[in-house]
Protein backbone atom coordinates (compact mmCIF):
# COMPACT_ATOMS: atom_id res chain seq x y z
CA MET A 1 12.66 13.61 12.63
CA ALA A 2 10.74 10.37 11.97
CA ARG A 3 7.55 12.36 11.33
CA GLN A 4 9.28 14.53 8.75
CA GLU A 5 10.68 11.43 7.10
CA ILE A 6 7.17 9.99 6.68
CA ILE A 7 5.82 13.30 5.40
CA LEU A 8 8.50 13.22 2.71
CA PHE A 9 7.69 9.58 1.94
CA ILE A 10 3.99 10.33 1.56
CA ASP A 11 4.79 13.38 -0.57
CA GLU A 12 6.89 11.12 -2.80
CA ILE A 13 3.96 8.71 -3.17
CA ARG A 14 1.62 11.59 -4.00
CA SER A 15 4.06 12.87 -6.58
CA ASN A 16 4.54 9.47 -8.23
CA PHE A 17 0.87 8.43 -8.01
CA PRO A 18 -1.32 11.55 -8.20
CA ASP A 19 -4.49 9.46 -8.34
CA VAL A 20 -4.02 8.81 -4.61
CA ILE A 21 -4.23 12.52 -3.74
CA PRO A 22 -8.06 12.73 -3.47
CA LEU A 23 -8.10 9.66 -1.23
CA MET A 24 -5.35 10.99 1.01
CA ASP A 25 -6.92 14.43 1.14
CA LYS A 26 -9.99 12.96 2.86
CA HIS A 27 -7.77 12.92 5.95
CA GLU A 28 -6.09 15.74 7.82
CA SER A 29 -2.48 16.39 6.81
CA TRP A 30 -1.27 15.10 10.19
CA GLU A 31 -3.09 11.76 9.82
CA LEU A 32 -0.12 10.08 8.18
CA THR A 33 -1.13 6.50 8.94
CA PHE A 34 -4.54 6.97 7.30
CA ARG A 35 -2.90 8.59 4.30
CA MET A 36 -0.59 5.62 3.83
CA GLU A 37 -3.53 3.24 4.18
CA GLU A 38 -5.25 5.08 1.34
CA PHE A 39 -2.39 4.12 -0.95
CA ALA A 40 -3.02 0.48 -0.05
CA ASN A 41 -6.72 1.03 -0.68
CA LEU A 42 -5.96 2.50 -4.09
CA THR A 43 -3.98 -0.63 -4.98
CA THR A 44 -6.79 -2.87 -3.73
CA PHE A 45 -9.49 -0.91 -5.59
CA ALA A 46 -7.46 -1.17 -8.79
CA PHE A 47 -7.40 -4.96 -8.42
CA ASN A 48 -11.13 -5.00 -7.65
CA GLU A 49 -11.82 -3.02 -10.81
CA ASN A 50 -9.40 -5.11 -12.91
CA LYS A 51 -7.20 -2.05 -13.51
CA VAL A 52 -4.08 -4.14 -13.17
CA THR A 53 -1.85 -1.68 -15.03
CA ASN A 54 -2.48 0.87 -12.27
CA ALA A 55 -1.96 -1.54 -9.39
CA ILE A 56 1.21 -3.08 -10.75
CA LYS A 57 2.86 0.32 -10.66
CA HIS A 58 2.28 0.56 -6.90
CA LEU A 59 3.65 -2.85 -5.92
CA PRO A 60 7.11 -2.60 -7.52
CA TYR A 61 7.47 0.90 -6.12
CA MET A 62 6.78 -0.29 -2.57
CA ASN A 63 8.85 -3.43 -3.06
CA LEU A 64 11.84 -1.40 -4.24
CA LYS A 65 11.34 1.06 -1.41
CA LEU A 66 11.86 -1.83 1.04
CA ASP A 67 15.46 -2.13 -0.13
CA SER A 68 16.35 1.38 1.04
CA ALA A 69 13.70 1.97 3.71
CA SER A 70 14.67 3.41 7.03
CA PRO A 71 13.19 1.68 10.10
CA THR A 72 10.43 4.30 10.17
CA GLU A 73 9.60 3.86 6.49
CA LEU A 74 9.66 0.09 6.88
CA LYS A 75 7.13 0.35 9.70
CA TYR A 76 4.82 2.42 7.49
CA ILE A 77 5.19 0.06 4.54
CA ASP A 78 4.51 -2.95 6.73
CA ALA A 79 1.82 -1.66 9.08
CA TYR A 80 -0.04 0.86 6.93
CA TYR A 81 0.42 -0.40 3.38
CA VAL A 82 0.92 -4.17 3.42
CA GLU A 83 -1.38 -4.94 6.36
CA GLN A 84 -4.11 -2.79 4.79
CA LEU A 85 -3.66 -4.31 1.34
CA PHE A 86 -6.70 -6.38 0.30
CA TRP A 87 -8.71 -5.05 3.28
CA LYS A 88 -11.67 -4.15 1.05
CA ALA A 89 -10.90 -6.63 -1.69
CA THR A 90 -13.45 -8.50 -3.72
CA HIS A 91 -13.01 -12.14 -4.69
CA ILE A 92 -11.89 -10.99 -8.15
CA GLY A 93 -9.52 -8.43 -6.63
CA ILE A 94 -7.83 -11.12 -4.56
CA GLU A 95 -7.64 -13.58 -7.46
CA ILE A 96 -6.09 -10.96 -9.73
CA GLY A 97 -3.95 -9.17 -7.17
CA TRP A 98 -2.42 -11.73 -4.86
CA PRO A 99 -0.29 -13.44 -7.54
CA LEU A 100 1.11 -10.02 -8.51
CA VAL A 101 2.32 -9.10 -5.03
CA PRO A 102 6.14 -9.29 -4.92
CA ASP A 103 7.60 -11.90 -2.59
CA LYS A 104 9.01 -9.42 -0.04
CA LEU A 105 5.64 -7.70 0.34
CA LYS A 106 3.86 -11.06 0.37
CA LYS A 107 6.10 -12.19 3.24
CA LEU A 108 5.20 -9.10 5.27
CA TYR A 109 1.52 -9.75 4.59
CA LEU A 110 1.74 -13.40 5.58
CA ASP A 111 3.84 -12.61 8.67
CA PHE A 112 1.05 -10.35 9.91
CA HIS A 113 -2.12 -12.06 8.68
CA GLY A 114 -0.87 -15.63 8.76
CA ARG A 115 -2.64 -16.51 5.51
CA LYS A 116 -3.27 -15.18 2.04
CA PRO A 117 -6.10 -12.66 1.70
CA LYS A 118 -9.72 -13.71 1.81
CA ILE A 119 -12.96 -11.75 1.60
CA GLN A 120 -13.73 -10.03 4.92
């Protein structure tokens, strides 16, 4: 049941943000965690490329999803979106992106990483 719930969640993301499809399709359909991480990567790459209008569509969507997320969805948002966010960020991407992250997502990030993002 939880697996099907995540499949539906990822399908919803793909439907709302079709630019993530090529990134997700690099992975097998059963590699759900990697597919979710690609959505985080897409957000990060948009910040890196100063395509803020693209990235700011992702963040409110995920932030709003937190309000109705099941425990399984919450785990995926936390572990495979938020924790991955800014993983391949540039200095510019962090400077542009971090202030735009909604507080609830920022809290999840800080709870895991213990600090704001920095270049890896």
